[in-house]
Amino acid sequence: MAIVLIVKATDFNLKETIKDYVVGWGTLALINAGLAQGKNRSGINWFILSLITGPVATLLLVLSSNEPKQEETSDI
């Protein structure tokens, strides 16, 4: 009886666990891209960086200062 309980307690589905991590990592990358755009930084660059580094990119974004907005000038 005890052996059955131990097996059931340690039984987990590796595919589901990996899928959960992938979904979470991708969601974090999307959130980081939005956060980067809010700080006037390139969203796509931070999205790619977040896919590679994950929470480290989030920490860097949170600790970084806002970039000043670039003024658009016309040559008219």
PDB file of N, CA and C in Angstrom:
ATOM      1  N   MET A   1       0.816  -1.196   0.000  1.00  0.00           N
ATOM      2  CA  MET A   1       0.000   0.000   0.000  1.00  0.00           C
ATOM      3  C   MET A   1       0.860   1.260   0.000  1.00  0.00           C
ATOM      4  N   ALA A   2       1.898   1.256   0.846  1.00  0.00           N
ATOM      5  CA  ALA A   2       2.772   2.423   0.930  1.00  0.00           C
ATOM      6  C   ALA A   2       3.536   2.630  -0.375  1.00  0.00           C
ATOM      7  N   ILE A   3       3.900   1.558  -1.038  1.00  0.00           N
ATOM      8  CA  ILE A   3       4.624   1.674  -2.307  1.00  0.00           C
ATOM      9  C   ILE A   3       3.734   2.313  -3.363  1.00  0.00           C
ATOM     10  N   VAL A   4       2.479   1.971  -3.393  1.00  0.00           N
ATOM     11  CA  VAL A   4       1.543   2.552  -4.349  1.00  0.00           C
ATOM     12  C   VAL A   4       1.397   4.048  -4.099  1.00  0.00           C
ATOM     13  N   LEU A   5       1.313   4.471  -2.861  1.00  0.00           N
ATOM     14  CA  LEU A   5       1.196   5.883  -2.525  1.00  0.00           C
ATOM     15  C   LEU A   5       2.442   6.659  -2.941  1.00  0.00           C
ATOM     16  N   ILE A   6       3.604   6.077  -2.752  1.00  0.00           N
ATOM     17  CA  ILE A   6       4.851   6.735  -3.143  1.00  0.00           C
ATOM     18  C   ILE A   6       4.911   6.891  -4.653  1.00  0.00           C
ATOM     19  N   VAL A   7       4.539   5.867  -5.380  1.00  0.00           N
ATOM     20  CA  VAL A   7       4.558   5.934  -6.838  1.00  0.00           C
ATOM     21  C   VAL A   7       3.588   7.000  -7.330  1.00  0.00           C
ATOM     22  N   LYS A   8       2.396   7.076  -6.774  1.00  0.00           N
ATOM     23  CA  LYS A   8       1.414   8.066  -7.198  1.00  0.00           C
ATOM     24  C   LYS A   8       1.869   9.478  -6.840  1.00  0.00           C
ATOM     25  N   ALA A   9       2.544   9.636  -5.724  1.00  0.00           N
ATOM     26  CA  ALA A   9       3.003  10.957  -5.305  1.00  0.00           C
ATOM     27  C   ALA A   9       4.132  11.457  -6.195  1.00  0.00           C
ATOM     28  N   THR A  10       4.958  10.566  -6.700  1.00  0.00           N
ATOM     29  CA  THR A  10       6.078  10.975  -7.530  1.00  0.00           C
ATOM     30  C   THR A  10       5.774  10.891  -9.016  1.00  0.00           C
ATOM     31  N   ASP A  11       4.607  10.404  -9.376  1.00  0.00           N
ATOM     32  CA  ASP A  11       4.229  10.269 -10.776  1.00  0.00           C
ATOM     33  C   ASP A  11       3.851  11.636 -11.343  1.00  0.00           C
ATOM     34  N   PHE A  12       4.570  12.081 -12.352  1.00  0.00           N
ATOM     35  CA  PHE A  12       4.226  13.333 -13.009  1.00  0.00           C
ATOM     36  C   PHE A  12       4.449  13.170 -14.503  1.00  0.00           C
ATOM     37  N   ASN A  13       3.800  14.015 -15.258  1.00  0.00           N
ATOM     38  CA  ASN A  13       3.872  13.935 -16.703  1.00  0.00           C
ATOM     39  C   ASN A  13       4.919  14.937 -17.195  1.00  0.00           C
ATOM     40  N   LEU A  14       6.015  14.462 -17.707  1.00  0.00           N
ATOM     41  CA  LEU A  14       7.104  15.327 -18.144  1.00  0.00           C
ATOM     42  C   LEU A  14       6.683  16.220 -19.298  1.00  0.00           C
ATOM     43  N   LYS A  15       5.880  15.719 -20.219  1.00  0.00           N
ATOM     44  CA  LYS A  15       5.422  16.533 -21.347  1.00  0.00           C
ATOM     45  C   LYS A  15       4.616  17.730 -20.867  1.00  0.00           C
ATOM     46  N   GLU A  16       3.731  17.518 -19.919  1.00  0.00           N
ATOM     47  CA  GLU A  16       2.912  18.611 -19.387  1.00  0.00           C
ATOM     48  C   GLU A  16       3.776  19.628 -18.652  1.00  0.00           C
ATOM     49  N   THR A  17       4.759  19.158 -17.916  1.00  0.00           N
ATOM     50  CA  THR A  17       5.644  20.056 -17.175  1.00  0.00           C
ATOM     51  C   THR A  17       6.448  20.919 -18.131  1.00  0.00           C
ATOM     52  N   ILE A  18       6.996  20.329 -19.173  1.00  0.00           N
ATOM     53  CA  ILE A  18       7.771  21.080 -20.157  1.00  0.00           C
ATOM     54  C   ILE A  18       6.869  22.081 -20.873  1.00  0.00           C
ATOM     55  N   LYS A  19       5.664  21.667 -21.219  1.00  0.00           N
ATOM     56  CA  LYS A  19       4.713  22.556 -21.885  1.00  0.00           C
ATOM     57  C   LYS A  19       4.392  23.759 -21.006  1.00  0.00           C
ATOM     58  N   ASP A  20       4.222  23.534 -19.727  1.00  0.00           N
ATOM     59  CA  ASP A  20       3.941  24.631 -18.802  1.00  0.00           C
ATOM     60  C   ASP A  20       5.105  25.626 -18.754  1.00  0.00           C
ATOM     61  N   TYR A  21       6.328  25.129 -18.724  1.00  0.00           N
ATOM     62  CA  TYR A  21       7.488  26.012 -18.713  1.00  0.00           C
ATOM     63  C   TYR A  21       7.597  26.814 -20.004  1.00  0.00           C
ATOM     64  N   VAL A  22       7.341  26.180 -21.134  1.00  0.00           N
ATOM     65  CA  VAL A  22       7.423  26.865 -22.425  1.00  0.00           C
ATOM     66  C   VAL A  22       6.375  27.967 -22.513  1.00  0.00           C
ATOM     67  N   VAL A  23       5.166  27.680 -22.077  1.00  0.00           N
ATOM     68  CA  VAL A  23       4.102  28.684 -22.100  1.00  0.00           C
ATOM     69  C   VAL A  23       4.446  29.836 -21.165  1.00  0.00           C
ATOM     70  N   GLY A  24       4.936  29.537 -19.988  1.00  0.00           N
ATOM     71  CA  GLY A  24       5.325  30.582 -19.035  1.00  0.00           C
ATOM     72  C   GLY A  24       6.471  31.434 -19.544  1.00  0.00           C
ATOM     73  N   TRP A  25       7.466  30.798 -20.141  1.00  0.00           N
ATOM     74  CA  TRP A  25       8.638  31.514 -20.664  1.00  0.00           C
ATOM     75  C   TRP A  25       8.214  32.434 -21.814  1.00  0.00           C
ATOM     76  N   GLY A  26       7.351  31.949 -22.699  1.00  0.00           N
ATOM     77  CA  GLY A  26       6.866  32.761 -23.813  1.00  0.00           C
ATOM     78  C   GLY A  26       6.016  33.926 -23.338  1.00  0.00           C
ATOM     79  N   THR A  27       5.195  33.690 -22.330  1.00  0.00           N
ATOM     80  CA  THR A  27       4.388  34.768 -21.771  1.00  0.00           C
ATOM     81  C   THR A  27       5.269  35.833 -21.144  1.00  0.00           C
ATOM     82  N   LEU A  28       6.298  35.413 -20.436  1.00  0.00           N
ATOM     83  CA  LEU A  28       7.239  36.368 -19.840  1.00  0.00           C
ATOM     84  C   LEU A  28       7.943  37.186 -20.918  1.00  0.00           C
ATOM     85  N   ALA A  29       8.288  36.556 -22.035  1.00  0.00           N
ATOM     86  CA  ALA A  29       8.942  37.275 -23.133  1.00  0.00           C
ATOM     87  C   ALA A  29       8.007  38.337 -23.714  1.00  0.00           C
ATOM     88  N   LEU A  30       6.722  38.024 -23.844  1.00  0.00           N
ATOM     89  CA  LEU A  30       5.752  39.011 -24.338  1.00  0.00           C
ATOM     90  C   LEU A  30       5.587  40.167 -23.357  1.00  0.00           C
ATOM     91  N   ILE A  31       5.541  39.857 -22.082  1.00  0.00           N
ATOM     92  CA  ILE A  31       5.428  40.904 -21.063  1.00  0.00           C
ATOM     93  C   ILE A  31       6.665  41.793 -21.095  1.00  0.00           C
ATOM     94  N   ASN A  32       7.829  41.205 -21.237  1.00  0.00           N
ATOM     95  CA  ASN A  32       9.070  41.989 -21.304  1.00  0.00           C
ATOM     96  C   ASN A  32       9.100  42.887 -22.534  1.00  0.00           C
ATOM     97  N   ALA A  33       8.578  42.404 -23.653  1.00  0.00           N
ATOM     98  CA  ALA A  33       8.540  43.237 -24.860  1.00  0.00           C
ATOM     99  C   ALA A  33       7.658  44.460 -24.627  1.00  0.00           C
ATOM    100  N   GLY A  34       6.519  44.272 -23.992  1.00  0.00           N
ATOM    101  CA  GLY A  34       5.649  45.401 -23.675  1.00  0.00           C
ATOM    102  C   GLY A  34       6.283  46.348 -22.684  1.00  0.00           C
ATOM    103  N   LEU A  35       6.959  45.820 -21.691  1.00  0.00           N
ATOM    104  CA  LEU A  35       7.650  46.649 -20.706  1.00  0.00           C
ATOM    105  C   LEU A  35       8.761  47.449 -21.369  1.00  0.00           C
ATOM    106  N   ALA A  36       9.485  46.820 -22.291  1.00  0.00           N
ATOM    107  CA  ALA A  36      10.559  47.509 -23.005  1.00  0.00           C
ATOM    108  C   ALA A  36      10.007  48.651 -23.852  1.00  0.00           C
ATOM    109  N   GLN A  37       8.912  48.423 -24.532  1.00  0.00           N
ATOM    110  CA  GLN A  37       8.318  49.482 -25.344  1.00  0.00           C
ATOM    111  C   GLN A  37       7.840  50.635 -24.475  1.00  0.00           C
ATOM    112  N   GLY A  38       7.366  50.329 -23.284  1.00  0.00           N
ATOM    113  CA  GLY A  38       6.956  51.372 -22.357  1.00  0.00           C
ATOM    114  C   GLY A  38       8.124  52.220 -21.883  1.00  0.00           C
ATOM    115  N   LYS A  39       9.325  51.666 -21.965  1.00  0.00           N
ATOM    116  CA  LYS A  39      10.536  52.402 -21.583  1.00  0.00           C
ATOM    117  C   LYS A  39      11.283  52.923 -22.814  1.00  0.00           C
ATOM    118  N   ASN A  40      10.582  53.001 -23.947  1.00  0.00           N
ATOM    119  CA  ASN A  40      11.130  53.506 -25.208  1.00  0.00           C
ATOM    120  C   ASN A  40      12.332  52.697 -25.685  1.00  0.00           C
ATOM    121  N   ARG A  41      12.228  51.399 -25.554  1.00  0.00           N
ATOM    122  CA  ARG A  41      13.266  50.489 -26.050  1.00  0.00           C
ATOM    123  C   ARG A  41      12.650  49.564 -27.086  1.00  0.00           C
ATOM    124  N   SER A  42      13.487  48.870 -27.824  1.00  0.00           N
ATOM    125  CA  SER A  42      13.005  47.993 -28.886  1.00  0.00           C
ATOM    126  C   SER A  42      12.323  46.761 -28.301  1.00  0.00           C
ATOM    127  N   GLY A  43      11.035  46.612 -28.597  1.00  0.00           N
ATOM    128  CA  GLY A  43      10.284  45.474 -28.083  1.00  0.00           C
ATOM    129  C   GLY A  43      10.751  44.150 -28.647  1.00  0.00           C
ATOM    130  N   ILE A  44      11.051  44.111 -29.945  1.00  0.00           N
ATOM    131  CA  ILE A  44      11.455  42.845 -30.576  1.00  0.00           C
ATOM    132  C   ILE A  44      12.819  42.378 -30.061  1.00  0.00           C
ATOM    133  N   ASN A  45      13.735  43.313 -29.851  1.00  0.00           N
ATOM    134  CA  ASN A  45      15.050  42.929 -29.318  1.00  0.00           C
ATOM    135  C   ASN A  45      14.921  42.351 -27.913  1.00  0.00           C
ATOM    136  N   TRP A  46      14.105  42.993 -27.096  1.00  0.00           N
ATOM    137  CA  TRP A  46      13.923  42.513 -25.726  1.00  0.00           C
ATOM    138  C   TRP A  46      13.115  41.217 -25.701  1.00  0.00           C
ATOM    139  N   PHE A  47      12.212  41.031 -26.655  1.00  0.00           N
ATOM    140  CA  PHE A  47      11.476  39.770 -26.756  1.00  0.00           C
ATOM    141  C   PHE A  47      12.453  38.625 -27.021  1.00  0.00           C
ATOM    142  N   ILE A  48      13.341  38.817 -27.978  1.00  0.00           N
ATOM    143  CA  ILE A  48      14.321  37.783 -28.319  1.00  0.00           C
ATOM    144  C   ILE A  48      15.269  37.534 -27.150  1.00  0.00           C
ATOM    145  N   LEU A  49      15.737  38.620 -26.530  1.00  0.00           N
ATOM    146  CA  LEU A  49      16.616  38.479 -25.368  1.00  0.00           C
ATOM    147  C   LEU A  49      15.908  37.739 -24.238  1.00  0.00           C
ATOM    148  N   SER A  50      14.628  38.011 -24.068  1.00  0.00           N
ATOM    149  CA  SER A  50      13.856  37.349 -23.013  1.00  0.00           C
ATOM    150  C   SER A  50      13.660  35.867 -23.293  1.00  0.00           C
ATOM    151  N   LEU A  51      13.541  35.495 -24.562  1.00  0.00           N
ATOM    152  CA  LEU A  51      13.438  34.077 -24.890  1.00  0.00           C
ATOM    153  C   LEU A  51      14.708  33.334 -24.503  1.00  0.00           C
ATOM    154  N   ILE A  52      15.837  34.037 -24.574  1.00  0.00           N
ATOM    155  CA  ILE A  52      17.119  33.404 -24.259  1.00  0.00           C
ATOM    156  C   ILE A  52      17.406  33.433 -22.760  1.00  0.00           C
ATOM    157  N   THR A  53      17.187  34.609 -22.129  1.00  0.00           N
ATOM    158  CA  THR A  53      17.601  34.768 -20.735  1.00  0.00           C
ATOM    159  C   THR A  53      16.462  34.711 -19.723  1.00  0.00           C
ATOM    160  N   GLY A  54      15.235  34.890 -20.169  1.00  0.00           N
ATOM    161  CA  GLY A  54      14.083  34.767 -19.279  1.00  0.00           C
ATOM    162  C   GLY A  54      14.019  35.824 -18.192  1.00  0.00           C
ATOM    163  N   PRO A  55      13.944  35.403 -16.939  1.00  0.00           N
ATOM    164  CA  PRO A  55      13.784  36.337 -15.829  1.00  0.00           C
ATOM    165  C   PRO A  55      14.941  37.320 -15.657  1.00  0.00           C
ATOM    166  N   VAL A  56      16.111  36.979 -16.164  1.00  0.00           N
ATOM    167  CA  VAL A  56      17.243  37.905 -16.084  1.00  0.00           C
ATOM    168  C   VAL A  56      16.946  39.166 -16.893  1.00  0.00           C
ATOM    169  N   ALA A  57      16.337  39.001 -18.062  1.00  0.00           N
ATOM    170  CA  ALA A  57      15.963  40.153 -18.888  1.00  0.00           C
ATOM    171  C   ALA A  57      14.919  41.002 -18.168  1.00  0.00           C
ATOM    172  N   THR A  58      14.002  40.367 -17.467  1.00  0.00           N
ATOM    173  CA  THR A  58      13.004  41.112 -16.701  1.00  0.00           C
ATOM    174  C   THR A  58      13.671  41.960 -15.635  1.00  0.00           C
ATOM    175  N   LEU A  59      14.610  41.392 -14.940  1.00  0.00           N
ATOM    176  CA  LEU A  59      15.338  42.131 -13.909  1.00  0.00           C
ATOM    177  C   LEU A  59      16.079  43.323 -14.510  1.00  0.00           C
ATOM    178  N   LEU A  60      16.734  43.118 -15.649  1.00  0.00           N
ATOM    179  CA  LEU A  60      17.447  44.210 -16.303  1.00  0.00           C
ATOM    180  C   LEU A  60      16.497  45.321 -16.735  1.00  0.00           C
ATOM    181  N   LEU A  61      15.344  44.951 -17.246  1.00  0.00           N
ATOM    182  CA  LEU A  61      14.359  45.948 -17.673  1.00  0.00           C
ATOM    183  C   LEU A  61      13.809  46.743 -16.496  1.00  0.00           C
ATOM    184  N   VAL A  62      13.514  46.057 -15.430  1.00  0.00           N
ATOM    185  CA  VAL A  62      12.946  46.730 -14.262  1.00  0.00           C
ATOM    186  C   VAL A  62      13.952  47.690 -13.652  1.00  0.00           C
ATOM    187  N   LEU A  63      15.215  47.309 -13.640  1.00  0.00           N
ATOM    188  CA  LEU A  63      16.244  48.162 -13.038  1.00  0.00           C
ATOM    189  C   LEU A  63      16.732  49.270 -13.966  1.00  0.00           C
ATOM    190  N   SER A  64      16.438  49.181 -15.257  1.00  0.00           N
ATOM    191  CA  SER A  64      16.925  50.186 -16.204  1.00  0.00           C
ATOM    192  C   SER A  64      16.058  51.439 -16.155  1.00  0.00           C
ATOM    193  N   SER A  65      16.654  52.545 -16.574  1.00  0.00           N
ATOM    194  CA  SER A  65      15.913  53.807 -16.610  1.00  0.00           C
ATOM    195  C   SER A  65      15.230  53.960 -17.968  1.00  0.00           C
ATOM    196  N   ASN A  66      14.306  54.892 -18.038  1.00  0.00           N
ATOM    197  CA  ASN A  66      13.602  55.147 -19.297  1.00  0.00           C
ATOM    198  C   ASN A  66      14.528  55.848 -20.279  1.00  0.00           C
ATOM    199  N   GLU A  67      14.432  55.446 -21.533  1.00  0.00           N
ATOM    200  CA  GLU A  67      15.146  56.135 -22.598  1.00  0.00           C
ATOM    201  C   GLU A  67      14.359  57.383 -22.968  1.00  0.00           C
ATOM    202  N   PRO A  68      15.033  58.499 -23.224  1.00  0.00           N
ATOM    203  CA  PRO A  68      14.284  59.687 -23.654  1.00  0.00           C
ATOM    204  C   PRO A  68      13.677  59.461 -25.032  1.00  0.00           C
ATOM    205  N   LYS A  69      12.501  60.034 -25.235  1.00  0.00           N
ATOM    206  CA  LYS A  69      11.856  59.913 -26.547  1.00  0.00           C
ATOM    207  C   LYS A  69      12.655  60.679 -27.570  1.00  0.00           C
ATOM    208  N   GLN A  70      12.779  60.105 -28.755  1.00  0.00           N
ATOM    209  CA  GLN A  70      13.488  60.785 -29.828  1.00  0.00           C
ATOM    210  C   GLN A  70      12.528  61.740 -30.522  1.00  0.00           C
ATOM    211  N   GLU A  71      12.967  62.953 -30.675  1.00  0.00           N
ATOM    212  CA  GLU A  71      12.157  63.956 -31.356  1.00  0.00           C
ATOM    213  C   GLU A  71      12.238  63.719 -32.860  1.00  0.00           C
ATOM    214  N   GLU A  72      11.094  63.745 -33.509  1.00  0.00           N
ATOM    215  CA  GLU A  72      11.086  63.599 -34.958  1.00  0.00           C
ATOM    216  C   GLU A  72      11.296  64.970 -35.572  1.00  0.00           C
ATOM    217  N   THR A  73      12.270  65.056 -36.438  1.00  0.00           N
ATOM    218  CA  THR A  73      12.533  66.326 -37.120  1.00  0.00           C
ATOM    219  C   THR A  73      12.286  66.157 -38.597  1.00  0.00           C
ATOM    220  N   SER A  74      11.807  67.188 -39.208  1.00  0.00           N
ATOM    221  CA  SER A  74      11.586  67.134 -40.657  1.00  0.00           C
ATOM    222  C   SER A  74      12.578  68.066 -41.331  1.00  0.00           C
ATOM    223  N   ASP A  75      12.943  67.716 -42.536  1.00  0.00           N
ATOM    224  CA  ASP A  75      13.910  68.506 -43.283  1.00  0.00           C
ATOM    225  C   ASP A  75      13.238  69.463 -44.251  1.00  0.00           C
ATOM    226  N   ILE A  76      12.083  69.912 -43.905  1.00  0.00           N
ATOM    227  CA  ILE A  76      11.345  70.818 -44.792  1.00  0.00           C
ATOM    228  C   ILE A  76      11.823  72.248 -44.616  1.00  0.00           C
TER     229      ILE A  76
END
